[in-house]
C-alpha atoms as a PDB file:
ATOM      1  CA  MET A   1     -57.601  28.291   4.061  1.00  0.00           C
ATOM      2  CA  ALA A   2     -56.921  25.332   1.760  1.00  0.00           C
ATOM      3  CA  PHE A   3     -53.824  27.126   0.509  1.00  0.00           C
ATOM      4  CA  VAL A   4     -52.397  27.421   4.028  1.00  0.00           C
ATOM      5  CA  VAL A   5     -53.100  23.745   4.777  1.00  0.00           C
ATOM      6  CA  ALA A   6     -51.378  22.704   1.525  1.00  0.00           C
ATOM      7  CA  ALA A   7     -48.363  24.893   2.378  1.00  0.00           C
ATOM      8  CA  VAL A   8     -48.097  23.400   5.896  1.00  0.00           C
ATOM      9  CA  VAL A   9     -48.342  19.847   4.521  1.00  0.00           C
ATOM     10  CA  LEU A  10     -45.677  20.629   1.902  1.00  0.00           C
ATOM     11  CA  VAL A  11     -43.331  22.068   4.539  1.00  0.00           C
ATOM     12  CA  GLY A  12     -43.940  19.006   6.735  1.00  0.00           C
ATOM     13  CA  VAL A  13     -43.125  16.622   3.871  1.00  0.00           C
ATOM     14  CA  LEU A  14     -39.960  18.596   3.072  1.00  0.00           C
ATOM     15  CA  CYS A  15     -38.887  18.460   6.737  1.00  0.00           C
ATOM     16  CA  VAL A  16     -39.364  14.673   6.856  1.00  0.00           C
ATOM     17  CA  LEU A  17     -37.384  14.293   3.609  1.00  0.00           C
ATOM     18  CA  ASN A  18     -34.623  16.509   4.999  1.00  0.00           C
ATOM     19  CA  MET A  19     -34.501  14.451   8.190  1.00  0.00           C
ATOM     20  CA  LEU A  20     -34.218  11.185   6.215  1.00  0.00           C
ATOM     21  CA  LEU A  21     -31.379  12.578   4.119  1.00  0.00           C
ATOM     22  CA  THR A  22     -29.607  13.814   7.248  1.00  0.00           C
ATOM     23  CA  PHE A  23     -29.794  10.350   8.830  1.00  0.00           C
ATOM     24  CA  ALA A  24     -28.407   8.795   5.644  1.00  0.00           C
ATOM     25  CA  VAL A  25     -25.507  11.255   5.621  1.00  0.00           C
ATOM     26  CA  LEU A  26     -24.773  10.569   9.300  1.00  0.00           C
ATOM     27  CA  ARG A  27     -24.745   6.824   8.691  1.00  0.00           C
ATOM     28  CA  ARG A  28     -22.329   7.275   5.785  1.00  0.00           C
ATOM     29  CA  LEU A  29     -20.131   9.536   7.910  1.00  0.00           C
ATOM     30  CA  ARG A  30     -19.893   6.858  10.605  1.00  0.00           C
ATOM     31  CA  GLU A  31     -18.842   4.310   7.978  1.00  0.00           C
ATOM     32  CA  HIS A  32     -16.170   6.663   6.634  1.00  0.00           C
ATOM     33  CA  THR A  33     -14.901   7.454  10.129  1.00  0.00           C
ATOM     34  CA  ALA A  34     -14.537   3.753  10.898  1.00  0.00           C
ATOM     35  CA  GLU A  35     -12.681   3.196   7.595  1.00  0.00           C
ATOM     36  CA  LEU A  36     -10.359   6.151   8.226  1.00  0.00           C
ATOM     37  CA  ALA A  37      -9.594   4.870  11.706  1.00  0.00           C
ATOM     38  CA  ARG A  38      -8.732   1.474  10.225  1.00  0.00           C
ATOM     39  CA  LEU A  39      -6.478   3.064   7.607  1.00  0.00           C
ATOM     40  CA  ALA A  40      -4.820   5.352  10.153  1.00  0.00           C
ATOM     41  CA  ALA A  41      -3.477   2.288  11.906  1.00  0.00           C
ATOM     42  CA  GLY A  42      -1.377   1.829   8.765  1.00  0.00           C
ATOM     43  CA  PRO A  43      -0.764  -1.217   6.668  1.00  0.00           C
ATOM     44  CA  ALA A  44       0.706  -3.964   8.736  1.00  0.00           C
ATOM     45  CA  LEU A  45       1.401  -7.608   8.632  1.00  0.00           C
ATOM     46  CA  GLY A  46      -1.519  -9.566   9.819  1.00  0.00           C
ATOM     47  CA  GLY A  47      -4.762 -10.922   8.613  1.00  0.00           C
ATOM     48  CA  GLY A  48      -3.026 -14.107   7.575  1.00  0.00           C
ATOM     49  CA  TYR A  49      -0.608 -12.452   5.130  1.00  0.00           C
ATOM     50  CA  ASP A  50       2.267 -14.802   4.333  1.00  0.00           C
ATOM     51  CA  PRO A  51       4.807 -13.496   1.801  1.00  0.00           C
ATOM     52  CA  ALA A  52       6.052 -17.058   1.212  1.00  0.00           C
ATOM     53  CA  ARG A  53       2.960 -17.591  -0.960  1.00  0.00           C
ATOM     54  CA  LEU A  54       4.608 -15.271  -3.514  1.00  0.00           C
ATOM     55  CA  VAL A  55       7.436 -17.751  -4.117  1.00  0.00           C
ATOM     56  CA  GLY A  56       7.046 -19.389  -7.509  1.00  0.00           C
ATOM     57  CA  GLN A  57       5.164 -16.469  -9.082  1.00  0.00           C
ATOM     58  CA  THR A  58       6.669 -14.775 -12.114  1.00  0.00           C
ATOM     59  CA  PHE A  59       7.860 -11.237 -11.502  1.00  0.00           C
ATOM     60  CA  PRO A  60       6.654  -8.870 -14.267  1.00  0.00           C
ATOM     61  CA  ASP A  61       9.167  -7.703 -16.868  1.00  0.00           C
ATOM     62  CA  LEU A  62      10.238  -4.151 -16.109  1.00  0.00           C
ATOM     63  CA  GLU A  63      12.343  -1.969 -18.375  1.00  0.00           C
ATOM     64  CA  PRO A  64      15.319  -1.653 -18.565  1.00  0.00           C
ATOM     65  CA  GLU A  65      16.013  -4.859 -16.595  1.00  0.00           C
ATOM     66  CA  ARG A  66      14.329  -7.233 -14.206  1.00  0.00           C
ATOM     67  CA  PRO A  67      15.562  -6.591 -10.656  1.00  0.00           C
ATOM     68  CA  GLU A  68      17.308  -9.236  -8.579  1.00  0.00           C
ATOM     69  CA  LEU A  69      16.066  -7.856  -5.227  1.00  0.00           C
ATOM     70  CA  VAL A  70      12.785  -6.042  -4.577  1.00  0.00           C
ATOM     71  CA  GLY A  71      11.467  -4.232  -1.522  1.00  0.00           C
ATOM     72  CA  VAL A  72       7.770  -3.276  -1.364  1.00  0.00           C
ATOM     73  CA  PHE A  73       7.016  -0.455   1.078  1.00  0.00           C
ATOM     74  CA  ASP A  74       3.969   1.640   1.959  1.00  0.00           C
ATOM     75  CA  ALA A  75       4.180   5.334   2.799  1.00  0.00           C
ATOM     76  CA  GLN A  76       1.855   4.963   5.819  1.00  0.00           C
ATOM     77  CA  CYS A  77       3.750   1.998   7.320  1.00  0.00           C
ATOM     78  CA  SER A  78       6.026   2.879  10.252  1.00  0.00           C
ATOM     79  CA  GLY A  79       7.920  -0.420   9.894  1.00  0.00           C
ATOM     80  CA  CYS A  80       8.667   0.492   6.289  1.00  0.00           C
ATOM     81  CA  HIS A  81      10.320   3.743   7.355  1.00  0.00           C
ATOM     82  CA  LYS A  82      12.290   1.828   9.978  1.00  0.00           C
ATOM     83  CA  HIS A  83      13.565  -0.913   7.633  1.00  0.00           C
ATOM     84  CA  ALA A  84      14.035   1.125   4.424  1.00  0.00           C
ATOM     85  CA  PRO A  85      17.660   2.109   5.239  1.00  0.00           C
ATOM     86  CA  GLU A  86      18.473  -1.550   6.003  1.00  0.00           C
ATOM     87  CA  PHE A  87      17.085  -2.535   2.602  1.00  0.00           C
ATOM     88  CA  ALA A  88      19.070   0.219   0.854  1.00  0.00           C
ATOM     89  CA  THR A  89      22.260  -1.024   2.510  1.00  0.00           C
ATOM     90  CA  ALA A  90      21.523  -4.696   1.772  1.00  0.00           C
ATOM     91  CA  VAL A  91      20.988  -4.113  -1.960  1.00  0.00           C
ATOM     92  CA  ARG A  92      23.957  -1.814  -2.533  1.00  0.00           C
ATOM     93  CA  GLY A  93      25.706  -2.761  -5.792  1.00  0.00           C
ATOM     94  CA  ARG A  94      22.928  -5.089  -6.977  1.00  0.00           C
ATOM     95  CA  ALA A  95      20.081  -4.867  -9.489  1.00  0.00           C
ATOM     96  CA  ALA A  96      17.416  -3.752  -7.037  1.00  0.00           C
ATOM     97  CA  LEU A  97      14.020  -2.119  -7.043  1.00  0.00           C
ATOM     98  CA  ALA A  98      12.162  -0.353  -4.262  1.00  0.00           C
ATOM     99  CA  VAL A  99       8.388  -0.087  -4.673  1.00  0.00           C
ATOM    100  CA  VAL A 100       6.762   2.693  -2.602  1.00  0.00           C
ATOM    101  CA  THR A 101       2.967   2.683  -2.548  1.00  0.00           C
ATOM    102  CA  GLY A 102       1.137   5.791  -1.409  1.00  0.00           C
ATOM    103  CA  THR A 103       1.709   9.487  -1.974  1.00  0.00           C
ATOM    104  CA  GLY A 104       2.376  12.656  -0.070  1.00  0.00           C
ATOM    105  CA  PRO A 105       5.094  13.716   2.332  1.00  0.00           C
ATOM    106  CA  GLU A 106       5.353  10.241   3.868  1.00  0.00           C
ATOM    107  CA  ALA A 107       6.102   8.733   0.451  1.00  0.00           C
ATOM    108  CA  GLU A 108       8.682  11.445  -0.240  1.00  0.00           C
ATOM    109  CA  ALA A 109      10.364  10.748   3.108  1.00  0.00           C
ATOM    110  CA  LEU A 110      10.453   7.030   2.319  1.00  0.00           C
ATOM    111  CA  VAL A 111      11.941   7.672  -1.133  1.00  0.00           C
ATOM    112  CA  GLY A 112      14.613   9.782   0.584  1.00  0.00           C
ATOM    113  CA  LEU A 113      15.499   6.836   2.821  1.00  0.00           C
ATOM    114  CA  LEU A 114      15.787   4.644  -0.298  1.00  0.00           C
ATOM    115  CA  ARG A 115      17.962   7.026  -2.327  1.00  0.00           C
ATOM    116  CA  GLU A 116      20.809   4.461  -2.546  1.00  0.00           C
ATOM    117  CA  VAL A 117      18.550   1.908  -4.268  1.00  0.00           C
ATOM    118  CA  PRO A 118      19.195   1.895  -8.060  1.00  0.00           C
ATOM    119  CA  ARG A 119      15.505   2.150  -8.995  1.00  0.00           C
ATOM    120  CA  VAL A 120      12.501   3.385  -7.012  1.00  0.00           C
ATOM    121  CA  LEU A 121       8.898   3.164  -8.240  1.00  0.00           C
ATOM    122  CA  VAL A 122       6.420   5.547  -6.599  1.00  0.00           C
ATOM    123  CA  GLY A 123       2.732   6.352  -6.955  1.00  0.00           C
ATOM    124  CA  GLU A 124       0.246   4.623  -9.256  1.00  0.00           C
ATOM    125  CA  GLU A 125       2.858   2.471 -10.988  1.00  0.00           C
ATOM    126  CA  ALA A 126       4.111   1.219  -7.612  1.00  0.00           C
ATOM    127  CA  GLY A 127       0.596   0.559  -6.339  1.00  0.00           C
ATOM    128  CA  GLY A 128      -0.217  -1.335  -9.527  1.00  0.00           C
ATOM    129  CA  LEU A 129       2.868  -3.529  -9.216  1.00  0.00           C
ATOM    130  CA  ALA A 130       2.129  -4.302  -5.535  1.00  0.00           C
ATOM    131  CA  TYR A 131      -1.441  -5.204  -6.530  1.00  0.00           C
ATOM    132  CA  ILE A 132      -0.325  -7.457  -9.403  1.00  0.00           C
ATOM    133  CA  LEU A 133       2.102  -9.244  -7.099  1.00  0.00           C
ATOM    134  CA  GLY A 134      -0.570  -9.657  -4.423  1.00  0.00           C
ATOM    135  CA  VAL A 135       1.418  -7.892  -1.704  1.00  0.00           C
ATOM    136  CA  THR A 136      -0.904  -6.940   1.157  1.00  0.00           C
ATOM    137  CA  GLY A 137       1.595  -6.676   4.018  1.00  0.00           C
ATOM    138  CA  PHE A 138       4.405  -4.176   4.291  1.00  0.00           C
ATOM    139  CA  PRO A 139       7.334  -4.187   4.090  1.00  0.00           C
ATOM    140  CA  THR A 140       7.746  -7.242   1.850  1.00  0.00           C
ATOM    141  CA  TYR A 141      11.050  -8.311   0.308  1.00  0.00           C
ATOM    142  CA  LEU A 142      11.531 -10.494  -2.774  1.00  0.00           C
ATOM    143  CA  ARG A 143      14.458 -12.168  -4.477  1.00  0.00           C
ATOM    144  CA  VAL A 144      13.901 -12.787  -8.194  1.00  0.00           C
ATOM    145  CA  GLY A 145      15.717 -15.585 -10.026  1.00  0.00           C
ATOM    146  CA  GLY A 146      17.316 -15.248 -13.445  1.00  0.00           C
ATOM    147  CA  ASP A 147      14.215 -16.731 -15.096  1.00  0.00           C
ATOM    148  CA  GLY A 148      11.971 -14.113 -13.473  1.00  0.00           C
ATOM    149  CA  THR A 149      10.516 -16.408 -10.838  1.00  0.00           C
ATOM    150  CA  ILE A 150      10.309 -15.186  -7.256  1.00  0.00           C
ATOM    151  CA  VAL A 151      12.615 -17.548  -5.367  1.00  0.00           C
ATOM    152  CA  TRP A 152      12.465 -15.996  -1.893  1.00  0.00           C
ATOM    153  CA  ALA A 153       9.988 -13.742  -0.101  1.00  0.00           C
ATOM    154  CA  GLY A 154       9.997 -12.338   3.406  1.00  0.00           C
ATOM    155  CA  SER A 155       8.596  -9.522   5.480  1.00  0.00           C
ATOM    156  CA  GLY A 156       9.523  -7.303   8.378  1.00  0.00           C
ATOM    157  CA  SER A 157      13.301  -7.005   8.060  1.00  0.00           C
ATOM    158  CA  PRO A 158      15.301  -7.531   4.845  1.00  0.00           C
ATOM    159  CA  GLU A 159      17.523  -9.951   6.746  1.00  0.00           C
ATOM    160  CA  GLY A 160      17.943 -13.187   4.800  1.00  0.00           C
ATOM    161  CA  MET A 161      17.128 -11.605   1.449  1.00  0.00           C
ATOM    162  CA  THR A 162      20.755 -11.567   0.270  1.00  0.00           C
ATOM    163  CA  GLU A 163      21.871 -14.830   1.880  1.00  0.00           C
ATOM    164  CA  SER A 164      23.421 -17.298  -0.577  1.00  0.00           C
ATOM    165  CA  LEU A 165      23.736 -14.632  -3.278  1.00  0.00           C
ATOM    166  CA  PRO A 166      27.117 -14.476  -5.022  1.00  0.00           C
ATOM    167  CA  GLY A 167      29.309 -11.455  -4.366  1.00  0.00           C
END
């Protein structure tokens, strides 16, 4: 009889442990669902992001040359897909760089829209550059001076990025 009681107690303890683990998994799932819903909305301007705070920073040296105009885009950003062709047109014939964060078919589609840009960074390298620059809103546009300092920064549309540039 003692053996049966011990077996029932053991099964009861295992059931309670299983129930606790299940509740922990459910809590974690709710957290992940909330995070995925937030990410599904896509990166956007907001949360106090002001690209003008980038002005005065030094743009990192990139081989073979430092770009004059830079566009930072995110694959999940609908505004980025909308404004990418405008950026490609605006930078035609200039030392320009497009930075595309993210991966997958959306990133490939965005790179296709930017095919006229002389240089396009994609993937980890692009994400690292956006992080180093402190870009948290997309799309963001930068104009880099001859000394490597960011002299103009804007977001939304690339309008204004090429104003007062020679040629």
